[in-house]
């Protein structure tokens, strides 16, 4: 049908707007897709004895993927800075909107 109209579908960009795909993207926003490691340690005793901290992938502020120690993801993604900025902005708004009511007694 598109060929009859003279449209080459291979040259057009494809955007997947299916509801399932949009729900998946909303659910997994900010997560880096990682393949399963078949060589990973499976013995729970050895995992418990290990002193190494597992590393997890995170998207950095500039969009690159970095492997960081588990628990320190917020330092690299900029979430901690953004949350601090939001809290500071909320405190500023509270101070600006604070109204005092006084009754004049004469």
Protein backbone atom coordinates (compact mmCIF):
# COMPACT_ATOMS: atom_id res chain seq x y z
CA UNK A 1 0.00 0.00 0.00
CA UNK A 2 2.81 2.43 0.89
CA UNK A 3 4.76 1.42 -2.20
CA UNK A 4 1.75 2.22 -4.38
CA UNK A 5 1.64 5.68 -2.81
CA UNK A 6 5.37 6.15 -3.48
CA UNK A 7 6.45 6.09 0.19
CA UNK A 8 9.59 4.21 1.19
CA UNK A 9 8.91 3.03 4.76
CA UNK A 10 12.58 2.10 5.31
CA UNK A 11 13.56 5.75 5.09
CA UNK A 12 11.00 6.90 7.67
CA UNK A 13 11.83 6.92 11.40
CA UNK A 14 10.02 4.35 13.50
CA UNK A 15 8.58 5.31 16.87
CA UNK A 16 7.04 2.52 18.90
CA UNK A 17 3.94 4.07 20.47
CA UNK A 18 2.20 0.86 21.52
CA UNK A 19 0.63 1.13 25.01
CA UNK A 20 2.63 -1.90 26.18
CA UNK A 21 5.92 -0.33 25.11
CA UNK A 22 5.07 3.02 26.71
CA UNK A 23 4.13 1.25 29.96
CA UNK A 24 7.43 -0.68 29.90
CA UNK A 25 9.43 2.50 29.34
CA UNK A 26 7.62 4.28 32.18
CA UNK A 27 8.20 1.33 34.52
CA UNK A 28 11.90 0.94 33.68
CA UNK A 29 12.88 4.59 33.33
CA UNK A 30 16.52 5.14 34.24
CA UNK A 31 17.43 1.44 34.42
CA UNK A 32 20.31 0.17 32.30
CA UNK A 33 19.49 -3.05 30.44
CA UNK A 34 21.98 -5.73 31.50
CA UNK A 35 22.44 -9.24 30.13
CA UNK A 36 22.57 -12.21 32.51
CA UNK A 37 26.13 -13.27 33.35
CA UNK A 38 26.40 -17.07 32.94
CA UNK A 39 29.74 -17.04 34.80
CA UNK A 40 28.40 -15.34 37.92
CA UNK A 41 28.99 -16.99 41.28
CA UNK A 42 25.98 -19.11 42.25
CA UNK A 43 27.23 -20.57 45.54
CA UNK A 44 25.56 -18.55 48.36
CA UNK A 45 28.35 -19.39 50.82
CA UNK A 46 31.01 -17.93 48.53
CA UNK A 47 28.86 -14.88 47.85
CA UNK A 48 28.46 -14.31 51.62
CA UNK A 49 32.22 -14.68 52.20
CA UNK A 50 33.13 -12.28 49.41
CA UNK A 51 34.39 -8.87 50.51
CA UNK A 52 33.82 -7.29 47.10
CA UNK A 53 30.99 -4.81 46.70
CA UNK A 54 28.89 -5.56 43.63
CA UNK A 55 28.90 -2.95 40.89
CA UNK A 56 25.77 -1.84 39.10
CA UNK A 57 25.33 0.14 35.87
CA UNK A 58 23.78 3.63 36.03
CA UNK A 59 23.13 6.36 33.51
CA UNK A 60 25.23 9.41 34.38
CA UNK A 61 24.02 13.00 33.92
CA UNK A 62 25.70 13.22 30.50
CA UNK A 63 23.95 10.02 29.30
CA UNK A 64 26.91 7.65 29.52
CA UNK A 65 26.79 4.34 31.37
CA UNK A 66 29.07 3.94 34.40
CA UNK A 67 29.60 0.90 36.63
CA UNK A 68 29.53 2.08 40.26
CA UNK A 69 29.42 0.41 43.66
CA UNK A 70 25.96 -0.55 44.82
CA UNK A 71 24.49 2.14 47.09
CA UNK A 72 26.36 5.08 45.55
CA UNK A 73 24.21 5.44 42.43
CA UNK A 74 22.77 8.81 43.47
CA UNK A 75 26.21 10.42 43.51
CA UNK A 76 26.75 9.72 39.83
CA UNK A 77 23.26 10.28 38.44
CA UNK A 78 22.82 13.74 39.96
CA UNK A 79 19.65 12.73 41.83
CA UNK A 80 21.06 13.84 45.18
CA UNK A 81 21.84 17.31 43.81
CA UNK A 82 18.42 17.62 42.19
CA UNK A 83 16.67 16.57 45.40
CA UNK A 84 18.70 19.11 47.39
CA UNK A 85 17.75 21.82 44.87
CA UNK A 86 14.07 20.89 45.15
CA UNK A 87 14.17 20.99 48.95
CA UNK A 88 15.92 24.38 48.88
CA UNK A 89 13.33 25.73 46.45
CA UNK A 90 10.49 24.47 48.64
CA UNK A 91 12.01 26.14 51.71
CA UNK A 92 12.37 29.40 49.78
CA UNK A 93 8.73 29.27 48.70
CA UNK A 94 7.62 28.58 52.29
CA UNK A 95 9.49 31.62 53.53
CA UNK A 96 8.08 33.83 50.77
CA UNK A 97 4.52 32.66 51.35
CA UNK A 98 4.60 32.92 55.12
CA UNK A 99 1.93 35.41 56.18
CA UNK A 100 1.47 36.70 59.68
CA UNK A 101 -1.85 37.96 60.87
CA UNK A 102 -2.02 40.44 63.70
CA UNK A 103 -5.08 42.02 65.17
CA UNK A 104 -4.90 45.59 66.25
CA UNK A 105 -6.31 46.04 69.71
CA UNK A 106 -7.13 49.60 70.46
